Amino acid sequence: MAHQIRIALIGLGQVGETFAINLLERIQTQQIAAKIVAVADHKQDSPVMMGFAHSGVSVFKDGLEIAKLGDQVDIIFDLSGSAAFRQQLRDALRNGGNQHTVIAPEIIANLVWAFFGEKEAMPSPHEKTGY
């Protein structure tokens, strides 16, 4: 079996929740060598956050905590929609010496969303969050 890709998701609001559910479904039904290892959102009591916690996924209120996981995370999908947060996340990875984990740019998140078969295009944030 190939290396299992370890994924973290930040921002499980309306878009992030749909993204997370679809991604998890594809991983499970298509037996993709990937695993959601961490999620973060300020709303800890949402059904999707509680579901991840119940499944043993690391759950955080502050998305910057994911940066502390170091090379235990291969890809971070930042779905927060905040350019300021994205910069803080980049800084946290760099300051922690993490040269392994990548933050997936919006274009990659949009490509993954397209594979989900959602009828609507992935909503874009009000501000550009950059790469």
Protein backbone atom coordinates (compact mmCIF):
# COMPACT_ATOMS: atom_id res chain seq x y z
CA MET A 1 0.00 0.00 0.00
CA ALA A 2 1.22 3.50 -0.84
CA HIS A 3 2.03 6.08 1.79
CA GLN A 4 -1.17 7.22 3.46
CA ILE A 5 -1.63 10.96 2.88
CA ARG A 6 -2.41 12.69 6.19
CA ILE A 7 -4.83 15.58 5.78
CA ALA A 8 -5.88 18.41 8.09
CA LEU A 9 -8.91 20.62 7.53
CA ILE A 10 -9.27 24.10 8.98
CA GLY A 11 -12.58 25.95 8.91
CA LEU A 12 -15.58 23.65 8.99
CA GLY A 13 -18.28 26.21 8.37
CA GLN A 14 -20.83 25.70 5.61
CA VAL A 15 -18.24 25.18 2.86
CA GLY A 16 -15.72 23.38 5.05
CA GLU A 17 -18.31 21.00 6.43
CA THR A 18 -19.47 19.99 2.93
CA PHE A 19 -15.83 19.66 1.85
CA ALA A 20 -15.01 17.47 4.88
CA ILE A 21 -18.01 15.18 4.47
CA ASN A 22 -17.37 14.68 0.75
CA LEU A 23 -13.65 14.11 1.24
CA LEU A 24 -14.21 11.60 4.03
CA GLU A 25 -16.83 9.77 1.95
CA ARG A 26 -14.48 9.50 -1.05
CA ILE A 27 -11.59 8.30 1.12
CA GLN A 28 -13.76 5.58 2.63
CA THR A 29 -15.78 4.40 -0.36
CA GLN A 30 -12.93 4.51 -2.87
CA GLN A 31 -10.34 3.20 -0.42
CA ILE A 32 -8.00 6.10 -1.11
CA ALA A 33 -4.68 6.00 0.73
CA ALA A 34 -5.51 9.12 2.72
CA LYS A 35 -6.69 9.93 6.21
CA ILE A 36 -8.09 13.04 7.87
CA VAL A 37 -5.87 13.32 10.94
CA ALA A 38 -6.85 16.74 12.30
CA VAL A 39 -9.62 19.32 12.01
CA ALA A 40 -10.04 22.78 13.45
CA ASP A 41 -12.97 25.14 13.82
CA HIS A 42 -14.05 27.61 16.47
CA LYS A 43 -17.41 25.82 16.76
CA GLN A 44 -16.52 22.69 18.67
CA ASP A 45 -20.11 21.53 19.09
CA SER A 46 -21.04 21.18 15.42
CA PRO A 47 -22.13 17.66 14.41
CA VAL A 48 -19.22 17.25 12.00
CA MET A 49 -16.64 18.33 14.61
CA MET A 50 -18.16 15.99 17.19
CA GLY A 51 -18.18 13.19 14.61
CA PHE A 52 -14.48 13.66 13.94
CA ALA A 53 -13.72 13.76 17.68
CA HIS A 54 -15.72 10.56 18.18
CA SER A 55 -13.71 8.92 15.38
CA GLY A 56 -10.40 9.70 17.07
CA VAL A 57 -9.40 12.57 14.79
CA SER A 58 -7.47 15.35 16.55
CA VAL A 59 -9.89 18.27 16.98
CA PHE A 60 -8.76 21.83 17.68
CA LYS A 61 -10.51 25.12 18.29
CA ASP A 62 -7.50 27.10 17.03
CA GLY A 63 -6.30 26.12 13.56
CA LEU A 64 -2.76 27.20 14.40
CA GLU A 65 -2.54 24.18 16.72
CA ILE A 66 -2.40 22.01 13.60
CA ALA A 67 0.95 23.58 12.69
CA LYS A 68 2.34 22.09 15.92
CA LEU A 69 1.68 18.58 14.57
CA GLY A 70 4.68 19.03 12.29
CA ASP A 71 5.29 16.33 9.74
CA GLN A 72 2.36 14.28 11.07
CA VAL A 73 0.32 16.28 8.52
CA ASP A 74 1.08 16.19 4.80
CA ILE A 75 -1.59 18.59 3.47
CA ILE A 76 -3.63 21.31 5.15
CA PHE A 77 -6.80 22.52 3.48
CA ASP A 78 -7.39 25.96 4.97
CA LEU A 79 -11.06 26.64 4.33
CA SER A 80 -11.25 29.56 6.78
CA GLY A 81 -11.42 32.18 4.03
CA SER A 82 -9.11 34.50 5.97
CA ALA A 83 -5.95 35.89 4.36
CA ALA A 84 -4.65 36.99 7.78
CA PHE A 85 -5.10 33.51 9.21
CA ARG A 86 -3.46 31.92 6.16
CA GLN A 87 -0.40 34.09 6.72
CA GLN A 88 -0.31 33.17 10.42
CA LEU A 89 -0.51 29.50 9.46
CA ARG A 90 2.38 29.86 7.00
CA ASP A 91 4.42 31.68 9.65
CA ALA A 92 3.67 28.99 12.25
CA LEU A 93 4.82 26.23 9.89
CA ARG A 94 7.98 28.13 8.99
CA ASN A 95 8.77 29.10 12.59
CA GLY A 96 8.32 25.48 13.64
CA GLY A 97 10.84 24.40 11.03
CA ASN A 98 8.20 22.42 9.12
CA GLN A 99 9.36 22.00 5.55
CA HIS A 100 7.13 19.00 4.97
CA THR A 101 3.49 20.11 5.31
CA VAL A 102 1.89 22.01 2.45
CA ILE A 103 -1.10 24.32 2.57
CA ALA A 104 -3.28 23.49 -0.41
CA PRO A 105 -4.00 26.63 -2.43
CA GLU A 106 -7.60 27.52 -3.25
CA ILE A 107 -7.22 26.26 -6.80
CA ILE A 108 -6.45 22.76 -5.47
CA ALA A 109 -9.41 22.92 -3.06
CA ASN A 110 -11.60 23.93 -6.01
CA LEU A 111 -10.29 21.02 -8.08
CA VAL A 112 -11.00 18.55 -5.26
CA TRP A 113 -14.48 20.12 -4.84
CA ALA A 114 -15.16 19.54 -8.55
CA PHE A 115 -14.49 15.82 -8.08
CA PHE A 116 -17.16 15.73 -5.37
CA GLY A 117 -19.84 16.31 -8.00
CA GLU A 118 -21.45 19.18 -6.09
CA LYS A 119 -24.03 20.99 -8.22
CA GLU A 120 -22.75 24.42 -7.23
CA ALA A 121 -19.18 25.65 -7.63
CA MET A 122 -17.21 25.92 -4.41
CA PRO A 123 -18.10 29.30 -2.92
CA SER A 124 -15.16 31.65 -2.86
CA PRO A 125 -14.27 33.71 0.19
CA HIS A 126 -14.98 37.42 0.22
CA GLU A 127 -11.26 38.14 0.47
CA LYS A 128 -8.44 36.54 -1.45
CA THR A 129 -6.54 34.27 0.88
CA GLY A 130 -3.56 33.73 -1.41
CA TYR A 131 -1.33 30.74 -1.73
